[in-house]
C-alpha cells in the first residue's frame, strides 16, 4: 500500500480508522487503503512510529554528516596536492 497522505480519520466503536491516499498521475488524490487500529493500541503504535522515524532520521543525518566530512577531507587533500605541485 502506497501512502502519500491521509484522508478521513475516525474513531468509532473503539477502532481508529485512518484512510490513506495516493496521488495519481493527474494530481488527484485517490484512496489507497485503510489502517485500522484498536483504540487500546493507538498510543503504543504512535509511540513506535515516532521512535522508528526518529531513528531513521538520526541515521540519515549521520550519513549526511559523514558524506560532508569525506567531501571536506577530499577537498583538503586536493588543495594540499595542488599546493605541493606549485612549489
Protein backbone atom coordinates (compact mmCIF):
# COMPACT_ATOMS: atom_id res chain seq x y z
CA UNK A 1 0.00 0.00 0.00
CA UNK A 2 1.40 3.37 -1.01
CA UNK A 3 0.67 6.17 1.46
CA UNK A 4 1.28 9.69 0.20
CA UNK A 5 -1.21 11.32 2.54
CA UNK A 6 -4.04 10.78 4.95
CA UNK A 7 -7.72 11.18 4.29
CA UNK A 8 -10.50 10.84 6.81
CA UNK A 9 -9.60 9.77 10.34
CA UNK A 10 -12.39 8.45 12.56
CA UNK A 11 -12.66 6.79 15.95
CA UNK A 12 -15.83 4.73 16.22
CA UNK A 13 -16.65 1.75 18.43
CA UNK A 14 -13.13 1.67 19.88
CA UNK A 15 -11.47 1.47 16.48
CA UNK A 16 -9.28 4.16 14.92
CA UNK A 17 -9.69 4.18 11.13
CA UNK A 18 -7.23 6.12 9.02
CA UNK A 19 -7.93 6.46 5.32
CA UNK A 20 -4.72 6.53 3.26
CA UNK A 21 -4.43 8.30 -0.08
CA UNK A 22 -2.04 8.39 -3.01
CA UNK A 23 -1.55 10.93 -5.77
CA UNK A 24 -2.47 9.82 -9.29
CA UNK A 25 -0.52 10.96 -12.33
CA UNK A 26 -3.08 13.71 -12.99
CA UNK A 27 -2.57 15.10 -9.46
CA UNK A 28 -5.83 13.88 -7.95
CA UNK A 29 -5.95 12.02 -4.66
CA UNK A 30 -7.38 8.52 -4.53
CA UNK A 31 -8.00 6.16 -1.63
CA UNK A 32 -5.13 3.65 -1.39
CA UNK A 33 -6.31 1.76 1.67
CA UNK A 34 -7.25 1.99 5.30
CA UNK A 35 -5.35 1.49 8.52
CA UNK A 36 -7.44 0.15 11.41
CA UNK A 37 -6.01 0.27 14.93
CA UNK A 38 -7.80 -0.93 18.08
CA UNK A 39 -8.29 2.01 20.43
CA UNK A 40 -6.31 0.44 23.25
CA UNK A 41 -3.23 0.12 20.97
CA UNK A 42 -3.24 3.62 19.44
CA UNK A 43 -0.87 5.22 21.97
CA UNK A 44 1.71 2.45 21.71
CA UNK A 45 1.62 2.38 17.92
CA UNK A 46 2.01 6.14 17.66
CA UNK A 47 4.97 5.95 20.06
CA UNK A 48 6.57 3.19 17.95
CA UNK A 49 6.09 5.22 14.78
CA UNK A 50 7.70 8.26 16.40
CA UNK A 51 10.66 6.24 17.69
CA UNK A 52 11.12 4.45 14.37
CA UNK A 53 11.02 7.60 12.28
CA UNK A 54 13.34 9.38 14.72
CA UNK A 55 15.82 6.51 14.40
CA UNK A 56 15.69 6.70 10.62
CA UNK A 57 16.10 10.47 10.72
CA UNK A 58 19.14 10.13 13.00
CA UNK A 59 20.76 7.59 10.65
CA UNK A 60 20.11 9.81 7.63
CA UNK A 61 21.67 12.79 9.42
CA UNK A 62 24.73 10.68 10.31
CA UNK A 63 25.07 9.62 6.68
CA UNK A 64 24.82 13.23 5.51
CA UNK A 65 27.39 14.36 8.11
CA UNK A 66 29.76 11.53 7.14
CA UNK A 67 29.40 12.49 3.48
CA UNK A 68 30.14 16.14 4.29
CA UNK A 69 33.24 15.17 6.29
CA UNK A 70 34.53 12.96 3.49
CA UNK A 71 33.91 15.72 0.95
CA UNK A 72 35.80 18.25 3.10
CA UNK A 73 38.68 15.79 3.57
CA UNK A 74 38.78 15.15 -0.16
CA UNK A 75 38.86 18.87 -0.93
CA UNK A 76 41.55 19.38 1.70
CA UNK A 77 43.71 16.63 0.16
CA UNK A 78 43.23 18.09 -3.31
CA UNK A 79 44.27 21.54 -2.04
CA UNK A 80 47.39 20.08 -0.38
CA UNK A 81 48.33 18.23 -3.58
CA UNK A 82 47.79 21.40 -5.63
CA UNK A 83 49.97 23.40 -3.21
CA UNK A 84 52.77 20.80 -3.48
CA UNK A 85 52.69 20.96 -7.28
CA UNK A 86 53.02 24.76 -7.21
CA UNK A 87 56.16 24.57 -5.08
